[in-house]
């Protein structure tokens, strides 16, 4: 085993601070947003839909879907629910850790 390896958690601690510190919290929130975009992208491709088709199905624009998938846009909860349920036929589940 290579003793020079660092765990991902240790890397995050060194780069962004410990959990609960402002810089780390900002990174964590950004990462959650990134994961939502990736999830939507993967679900859309699995359904063999274009961004345009998904946008039309859930009442938004192709550019908005693109911005969400590329982590360049905040997304309202109501819009996320519409994309997941109406656009992709899924169910949104939310959990909160505190």
Protein backbone atom coordinates (compact mmCIF):
# COMPACT_ATOMS: atom_id res chain seq x y z
CA UNK A 1 0.00 0.00 0.00
CA UNK A 2 1.29 3.47 -0.89
CA UNK A 3 1.71 5.49 2.31
CA UNK A 4 1.68 8.75 0.31
CA UNK A 5 -2.00 8.34 -0.58
CA UNK A 6 -4.51 10.71 1.01
CA UNK A 7 -8.18 9.94 1.52
CA UNK A 8 -10.68 12.11 -0.29
CA UNK A 9 -11.99 13.38 3.07
CA UNK A 10 -8.45 14.37 4.13
CA UNK A 11 -7.97 16.12 0.78
CA UNK A 12 -11.19 18.10 1.27
CA UNK A 13 -10.16 18.99 4.83
CA UNK A 14 -6.81 20.31 3.58
CA UNK A 15 -8.25 22.11 0.55
CA UNK A 16 -11.52 23.52 1.94
CA UNK A 17 -11.36 23.11 5.72
CA UNK A 18 -13.20 20.80 8.07
CA UNK A 19 -16.93 20.12 7.78
CA UNK A 20 -18.89 23.06 9.17
CA UNK A 21 -16.33 25.69 8.18
CA UNK A 22 -17.69 28.29 5.70
CA UNK A 23 -15.34 27.42 2.82
CA UNK A 24 -16.11 23.71 3.16
CA UNK A 25 -19.86 24.35 3.37
CA UNK A 26 -19.71 26.44 0.20
CA UNK A 27 -17.85 23.62 -1.59
CA UNK A 28 -20.34 21.02 -0.32
CA UNK A 29 -23.32 23.05 -1.59
CA UNK A 30 -21.68 23.52 -4.98
CA UNK A 31 -21.01 19.80 -5.21
CA UNK A 32 -24.66 19.00 -4.49
CA UNK A 33 -25.69 21.34 -7.30
CA UNK A 34 -23.19 19.64 -9.61
CA UNK A 35 -24.63 16.20 -8.72
CA UNK A 36 -28.16 17.36 -9.57
CA UNK A 37 -26.99 18.48 -13.01
CA UNK A 38 -25.22 15.17 -13.64
CA UNK A 39 -28.25 13.22 -12.45
CA UNK A 40 -30.60 15.10 -14.82
CA UNK A 41 -28.16 14.68 -17.70
CA UNK A 42 -27.84 10.92 -17.11
CA UNK A 43 -31.59 10.40 -16.72
CA UNK A 44 -32.28 12.40 -19.88
CA UNK A 45 -29.76 10.38 -21.89
CA UNK A 46 -31.12 7.11 -20.46
CA UNK A 47 -34.56 8.15 -21.75
CA UNK A 48 -32.92 9.04 -25.11
CA UNK A 49 -34.21 12.61 -24.90
CA UNK A 50 -32.58 15.76 -26.17
CA UNK A 51 -32.38 18.85 -23.99
CA UNK A 52 -34.97 20.42 -26.28
CA UNK A 53 -37.39 17.52 -25.82
CA UNK A 54 -36.99 17.61 -22.05
CA UNK A 55 -37.47 21.38 -21.98
CA UNK A 56 -40.66 21.20 -24.04
CA UNK A 57 -42.05 18.38 -21.93
CA UNK A 58 -41.63 20.25 -18.64
CA UNK A 59 -42.26 23.81 -19.81
CA UNK A 60 -38.83 25.39 -19.79
CA UNK A 61 -36.12 26.19 -22.33
CA UNK A 62 -33.29 24.15 -23.79
CA UNK A 63 -30.78 26.72 -22.58
CA UNK A 64 -32.09 26.41 -19.01
CA UNK A 65 -31.76 22.60 -19.11
CA UNK A 66 -28.23 23.04 -20.47
CA UNK A 67 -27.31 25.48 -17.70
CA UNK A 68 -28.61 23.07 -15.05
CA UNK A 69 -26.74 20.12 -16.54
CA UNK A 70 -23.54 22.18 -16.71
CA UNK A 71 -23.88 23.49 -13.15
CA UNK A 72 -24.21 27.07 -14.34
CA UNK A 73 -27.65 27.82 -12.95
CA UNK A 74 -29.43 27.69 -9.63
CA UNK A 75 -32.63 25.71 -9.87
CA UNK A 76 -35.88 26.32 -8.04
CA UNK A 77 -37.32 23.36 -6.20
CA UNK A 78 -40.60 23.62 -8.13
CA UNK A 79 -38.69 23.51 -11.42
CA UNK A 80 -36.57 20.57 -10.28
CA UNK A 81 -39.71 18.68 -9.28
CA UNK A 82 -41.31 19.41 -12.67
CA UNK A 83 -38.20 18.26 -14.57
CA UNK A 84 -37.92 15.04 -12.57
CA UNK A 85 -41.61 14.10 -12.47
CA UNK A 86 -43.14 15.49 -15.68
CA UNK A 87 -40.04 15.64 -17.86
CA UNK A 88 -38.31 12.44 -16.83
CA UNK A 89 -41.08 10.42 -15.17
CA UNK A 90 -39.18 10.07 -11.90
CA UNK A 91 -39.83 10.79 -8.24
CA UNK A 92 -37.83 13.35 -6.29
CA UNK A 93 -36.77 12.38 -2.77
CA UNK A 94 -35.04 14.89 -0.53
CA UNK A 95 -33.10 14.24 2.63
CA UNK A 96 -31.58 16.67 5.07
CA UNK A 97 -28.56 16.02 7.30
CA UNK A 98 -28.05 18.21 10.32
